[in-house]
Amino acid sequence: MQFLVIGKDGTDEKATDRRLAARKAHLALGDKMEASGNRWYGCVILDDNGQMIGSMAVMDFPSESEFQTWLKNEPYVKGKVWKTIEVYKCNVKKPWKFNRPQSFYEGGDKHV
């Protein structure tokens, strides 16, 4: 079962501090989720000035309860980084297309 998660940071003066404080744990958990196959794709959302203001992830779990367990333990949730969280069930068409080698993104492969 796949889920699209969009977390938007708070806009108060401490929002960036909360994000930076939780970032290392967030990235470590993201790497763990990627290695297990639970996270397919993620990215930071930037404003027009290139400042981090949120996150997006496509997650895959056998059940909604397992997804909810991950979400409640996500460092950006626990650290109150994300002020709003949108979750959508989704279905990624041909998910294997995201499994290109790193060299593809670095210009080493000539695939289209």
C-alpha atoms as a PDB file:
ATOM      1  CA  MET A   1       0.000   0.000   0.000  1.00  0.00           C
ATOM      2  CA  GLN A   2       1.562   3.263  -1.093  1.00  0.00           C
ATOM      3  CA  PHE A   3       1.191   6.673   0.514  1.00  0.00           C
ATOM      4  CA  LEU A   4       2.108  10.177  -0.599  1.00  0.00           C
ATOM      5  CA  VAL A   5       3.102  12.286   2.408  1.00  0.00           C
ATOM      6  CA  ILE A   6       3.421  16.068   2.222  1.00  0.00           C
ATOM      7  CA  GLY A   7       4.648  17.714   5.412  1.00  0.00           C
ATOM      8  CA  LYS A   8       4.768  21.503   5.562  1.00  0.00           C
ATOM      9  CA  ASP A   9       6.911  23.217   8.158  1.00  0.00           C
ATOM     10  CA  GLY A  10       5.673  25.805  10.583  1.00  0.00           C
ATOM     11  CA  THR A  11       6.284  29.444   9.688  1.00  0.00           C
ATOM     12  CA  ASP A  12       7.182  30.732  13.140  1.00  0.00           C
ATOM     13  CA  GLU A  13      10.642  32.093  13.948  1.00  0.00           C
ATOM     14  CA  LYS A  14      11.791  28.744  15.434  1.00  0.00           C
ATOM     15  CA  ALA A  15      10.679  26.612  12.455  1.00  0.00           C
ATOM     16  CA  THR A  16      14.115  26.402  10.820  1.00  0.00           C
ATOM     17  CA  ASP A  17      15.763  25.617  14.161  1.00  0.00           C
ATOM     18  CA  ARG A  18      13.349  22.709  14.746  1.00  0.00           C
ATOM     19  CA  ARG A  19      14.008  21.367  11.240  1.00  0.00           C
ATOM     20  CA  LEU A  20      17.776  21.545  11.638  1.00  0.00           C
ATOM     21  CA  ALA A  21      17.618  19.940  15.096  1.00  0.00           C
ATOM     22  CA  ALA A  22      15.642  16.951  13.752  1.00  0.00           C
ATOM     23  CA  ARG A  23      17.264  16.737  10.302  1.00  0.00           C
ATOM     24  CA  LYS A  24      20.021  14.210  11.098  1.00  0.00           C
ATOM     25  CA  ALA A  25      17.540  11.772  12.675  1.00  0.00           C
ATOM     26  CA  HIS A  26      15.053  12.377   9.829  1.00  0.00           C
ATOM     27  CA  LEU A  27      17.674  11.566   7.186  1.00  0.00           C
ATOM     28  CA  ALA A  28      18.899   8.492   9.102  1.00  0.00           C
ATOM     29  CA  LEU A  29      15.361   7.117   9.364  1.00  0.00           C
ATOM     30  CA  GLY A  30      14.798   7.927   5.684  1.00  0.00           C
ATOM     31  CA  ASP A  31      17.894   5.916   4.752  1.00  0.00           C
ATOM     32  CA  LYS A  32      16.656   3.021   6.900  1.00  0.00           C
ATOM     33  CA  MET A  33      13.214   3.187   5.282  1.00  0.00           C
ATOM     34  CA  GLU A  34      14.794   3.273   1.825  1.00  0.00           C
ATOM     35  CA  ALA A  35      16.965   0.241   2.599  1.00  0.00           C
ATOM     36  CA  SER A  36      13.905  -1.695   3.795  1.00  0.00           C
ATOM     37  CA  GLY A  37      11.907  -0.685   0.714  1.00  0.00           C
ATOM     38  CA  ASN A  38       9.389   1.360   2.708  1.00  0.00           C
ATOM     39  CA  ARG A  39      10.477   4.698   1.262  1.00  0.00           C
ATOM     40  CA  TRP A  40      10.525   4.898  -2.496  1.00  0.00           C
ATOM     41  CA  TYR A  41      11.235   8.572  -2.962  1.00  0.00           C
ATOM     42  CA  GLY A  42      11.550  11.714  -0.906  1.00  0.00           C
ATOM     43  CA  CYS A  43      12.519  15.325  -1.334  1.00  0.00           C
ATOM     44  CA  VAL A  44      12.679  18.620   0.485  1.00  0.00           C
ATOM     45  CA  ILE A  45      10.239  21.360  -0.543  1.00  0.00           C
ATOM     46  CA  LEU A  46      11.886  24.754  -1.092  1.00  0.00           C
ATOM     47  CA  ASP A  47      10.489  28.269  -1.189  1.00  0.00           C
ATOM     48  CA  ASP A  48      11.410  30.819  -3.874  1.00  0.00           C
ATOM     49  CA  ASN A  49      14.586  31.686  -1.919  1.00  0.00           C
ATOM     50  CA  GLY A  50      15.754  28.085  -1.689  1.00  0.00           C
ATOM     51  CA  GLN A  51      14.841  27.737   1.993  1.00  0.00           C
ATOM     52  CA  MET A  52      13.527  24.384   3.234  1.00  0.00           C
ATOM     53  CA  ILE A  53       9.815  24.647   4.043  1.00  0.00           C
ATOM     54  CA  GLY A  54       8.567  21.087   3.908  1.00  0.00           C
ATOM     55  CA  SER A  55       9.048  17.545   2.702  1.00  0.00           C
ATOM     56  CA  MET A  56       7.462  15.009   0.377  1.00  0.00           C
ATOM     57  CA  ALA A  57       7.794  11.233   0.442  1.00  0.00           C
ATOM     58  CA  VAL A  58       6.295   8.249  -1.318  1.00  0.00           C
ATOM     59  CA  MET A  59       6.107   5.423   1.197  1.00  0.00           C
ATOM     60  CA  ASP A  60       5.102   1.774   0.854  1.00  0.00           C
ATOM     61  CA  PHE A  61       3.888  -0.397   3.738  1.00  0.00           C
ATOM     62  CA  PRO A  62       1.955  -3.679   3.908  1.00  0.00           C
ATOM     63  CA  SER A  63      -0.770  -1.988   5.952  1.00  0.00           C
ATOM     64  CA  GLU A  64      -2.060   1.416   6.952  1.00  0.00           C
ATOM     65  CA  SER A  65      -1.323   0.663  10.614  1.00  0.00           C
ATOM     66  CA  GLU A  66       2.362   0.053   9.796  1.00  0.00           C
ATOM     67  CA  PHE A  67       2.416   3.333   7.892  1.00  0.00           C
ATOM     68  CA  GLN A  68       0.871   5.128  10.896  1.00  0.00           C
ATOM     69  CA  THR A  69       3.503   3.602  13.196  1.00  0.00           C
ATOM     70  CA  TRP A  70       6.264   4.982  10.970  1.00  0.00           C
ATOM     71  CA  LEU A  71       4.579   8.378  10.734  1.00  0.00           C
ATOM     72  CA  LYS A  72       4.189   8.848  14.477  1.00  0.00           C
ATOM     73  CA  ASN A  73       7.905   8.012  14.900  1.00  0.00           C
ATOM     74  CA  GLU A  74       9.104  10.248  12.048  1.00  0.00           C
ATOM     75  CA  PRO A  75      11.529  12.805  13.596  1.00  0.00           C
ATOM     76  CA  TYR A  76       9.849  15.731  11.821  1.00  0.00           C
ATOM     77  CA  VAL A  77       6.554  14.709  13.430  1.00  0.00           C
ATOM     78  CA  LYS A  78       8.039  14.072  16.865  1.00  0.00           C
ATOM     79  CA  GLY A  79      10.086  17.284  16.637  1.00  0.00           C
ATOM     80  CA  LYS A  80       7.049  19.352  15.588  1.00  0.00           C
ATOM     81  CA  VAL A  81       8.789  20.408  12.365  1.00  0.00           C
ATOM     82  CA  TRP A  82       5.789  19.685  10.168  1.00  0.00           C
ATOM     83  CA  LYS A  83       2.874  21.937  11.081  1.00  0.00           C
ATOM     84  CA  THR A  84       0.565  20.309   8.545  1.00  0.00           C
ATOM     85  CA  ILE A  85       0.699  16.787   7.140  1.00  0.00           C
ATOM     86  CA  GLU A  86      -1.269  15.636   4.122  1.00  0.00           C
ATOM     87  CA  VAL A  87      -1.454  11.894   3.466  1.00  0.00           C
ATOM     88  CA  TYR A  88      -2.909  10.358   0.322  1.00  0.00           C
ATOM     89  CA  LYS A  89      -3.149   6.705  -0.581  1.00  0.00           C
ATOM     90  CA  CYS A  90      -1.630   6.325  -4.020  1.00  0.00           C
ATOM     91  CA  ASN A  91      -0.580   3.769  -6.593  1.00  0.00           C
ATOM     92  CA  VAL A  92       2.726   4.311  -8.369  1.00  0.00           C
ATOM     93  CA  LYS A  93       2.695   3.102 -11.967  1.00  0.00           C
ATOM     94  CA  LYS A  94       5.771   1.029 -12.833  1.00  0.00           C
ATOM     95  CA  PRO A  95       7.638   1.737  -9.591  1.00  0.00           C
ATOM     96  CA  TRP A  96      10.797   0.056 -10.887  1.00  0.00           C
ATOM     97  CA  LYS A  97      11.433   3.090 -13.098  1.00  0.00           C
ATOM     98  CA  PHE A  98      12.798   4.861 -10.006  1.00  0.00           C
ATOM     99  CA  ASN A  99      15.510   2.251  -9.594  1.00  0.00           C
ATOM    100  CA  ARG A 100      18.079   3.743 -11.944  1.00  0.00           C
ATOM    101  CA  PRO A 101      21.736   3.579 -10.954  1.00  0.00           C
ATOM    102  CA  GLN A 102      23.350   6.627  -9.363  1.00  0.00           C
ATOM    103  CA  SER A 103      25.509   7.017 -12.482  1.00  0.00           C
ATOM    104  CA  PHE A 104      22.367   7.824 -14.475  1.00  0.00           C
ATOM    105  CA  TYR A 105      21.839  10.993 -12.430  1.00  0.00           C
ATOM    106  CA  GLU A 106      25.523  11.895 -12.611  1.00  0.00           C
ATOM    107  CA  GLY A 107      25.567  11.694 -16.402  1.00  0.00           C
ATOM    108  CA  GLY A 108      27.369   8.349 -16.673  1.00  0.00           C
ATOM    109  CA  ASP A 109      24.532   6.508 -18.388  1.00  0.00           C
ATOM    110  CA  LYS A 110      23.118   7.704 -21.698  1.00  0.00           C
ATOM    111  CA  HIS A 111      19.585   6.393 -21.184  1.00  0.00           C
ATOM    112  CA  VAL A 112      16.613   8.605 -21.915  1.00  0.00           C
END
